[in-house]
Amino acid sequence: MLFNILKKYEKFMIQALMVMMAIVLGLATLDLGWLIIKDIIQPPYLLLDVNQLLEIFGLFMLVVIGIETSGNHNEDLHNSRATSL
């Protein structure tokens, strides 16, 4: 019985973290888009310096890693449901 309660608690915590991660990823994606647009429309137009490129690349990698991590947790959650059925 205690094991079932712990499993339900773990499932709830994973789902809550996935929702929070989705919100953070959405905001980070919007921030990345805004950063790219802001940097491109500043003079000199369509040219980015090294610091701007590093900032964009770092934020892009953050979003990609977050998406991959989220995808892995989705698969884990799906597999745990399939084994519990």
Protein backbone atom coordinates (compact mmCIF):
# COMPACT_ATOMS: atom_id res chain seq x y z
CA MET A 1 0.00 0.00 0.00
CA LEU A 2 2.77 2.43 0.92
CA PHE A 3 4.54 1.55 -2.34
CA ASN A 4 1.43 2.49 -4.35
CA ILE A 5 1.16 5.82 -2.53
CA LEU A 6 4.83 6.55 -3.24
CA LYS A 7 4.38 5.65 -6.92
CA LYS A 8 1.39 8.00 -7.21
CA TYR A 9 3.34 10.75 -5.47
CA GLU A 10 6.31 10.22 -7.80
CA LYS A 11 4.02 10.31 -10.85
CA PHE A 12 2.41 13.54 -9.63
CA MET A 13 5.80 15.17 -9.01
CA ILE A 14 7.05 14.18 -12.47
CA GLN A 15 3.93 15.60 -14.09
CA ALA A 16 4.21 18.83 -12.09
CA LEU A 17 7.88 19.20 -13.08
CA MET A 18 7.01 18.52 -16.73
CA VAL A 19 4.39 21.28 -16.68
CA MET A 20 6.86 23.71 -15.13
CA MET A 21 9.53 22.69 -17.65
CA ALA A 22 7.08 23.26 -20.51
CA ILE A 23 6.36 26.77 -19.20
CA VAL A 24 10.07 27.55 -18.86
CA LEU A 25 10.79 26.19 -22.34
CA GLY A 26 8.01 28.28 -23.83
CA LEU A 27 9.31 31.43 -22.14
CA ALA A 28 12.91 30.63 -23.14
CA THR A 29 11.81 30.13 -26.76
CA LEU A 30 10.03 33.49 -26.75
CA ASP A 31 13.11 35.08 -25.20
CA LEU A 32 15.31 33.52 -27.88
CA GLY A 33 13.05 34.82 -30.65
CA TRP A 34 13.00 38.28 -29.12
CA LEU A 35 16.79 38.27 -28.74
CA ILE A 36 17.34 37.28 -32.37
CA ILE A 37 14.92 39.92 -33.67
CA LYS A 38 16.36 42.61 -31.38
CA ASP A 39 19.96 41.84 -32.39
CA ILE A 40 19.20 41.68 -36.12
CA ILE A 41 17.32 45.00 -36.33
CA GLN A 42 20.02 46.98 -34.51
CA PRO A 43 22.61 48.69 -36.68
CA PRO A 44 24.62 47.23 -38.36
CA TYR A 45 21.61 45.39 -39.73
CA LEU A 46 21.70 41.58 -40.10
CA LEU A 47 25.20 41.43 -38.58
CA LEU A 48 25.90 39.95 -35.17
CA ASP A 49 29.07 40.28 -33.16
CA VAL A 50 30.70 37.41 -31.27
CA ASN A 51 29.02 38.23 -27.94
CA GLN A 52 25.57 38.31 -29.54
CA LEU A 53 26.23 35.02 -31.32
CA LEU A 54 27.40 33.38 -28.09
CA GLU A 55 24.33 34.64 -26.22
CA ILE A 56 21.99 33.35 -28.95
CA PHE A 57 23.81 30.03 -29.19
CA GLY A 58 23.74 29.55 -25.40
CA LEU A 59 20.02 30.23 -25.20
CA PHE A 60 19.37 28.00 -28.21
CA MET A 61 21.27 25.14 -26.58
CA LEU A 62 19.34 25.67 -23.35
CA VAL A 63 16.05 25.28 -25.23
CA VAL A 64 17.25 22.21 -27.18
CA ILE A 65 18.56 20.47 -24.05
CA GLY A 66 15.31 21.25 -22.23
CA ILE A 67 13.25 19.79 -25.08
CA GLU A 68 15.39 16.64 -25.14
CA THR A 69 15.14 16.25 -21.37
CA SER A 70 11.40 16.77 -21.50
CA GLY A 71 11.09 14.20 -24.27
CA ASN A 72 13.04 11.65 -22.25
CA HIS A 73 10.80 12.16 -19.24
CA ASN A 74 7.70 11.83 -21.43
CA GLU A 75 8.99 8.46 -22.66
CA ASP A 76 9.81 7.37 -19.10
CA LEU A 77 6.35 8.35 -17.90
CA HIS A 78 4.73 6.56 -20.84
CA ASN A 79 6.80 3.42 -20.23
CA SER A 80 5.94 3.39 -16.52
CA ARG A 81 2.24 3.57 -17.42
CA ALA A 82 2.58 0.71 -19.88
CA THR A 83 4.33 -1.51 -17.34
CA SER A 84 1.79 -0.74 -14.61
CA LEU A 85 -1.16 -1.78 -16.78
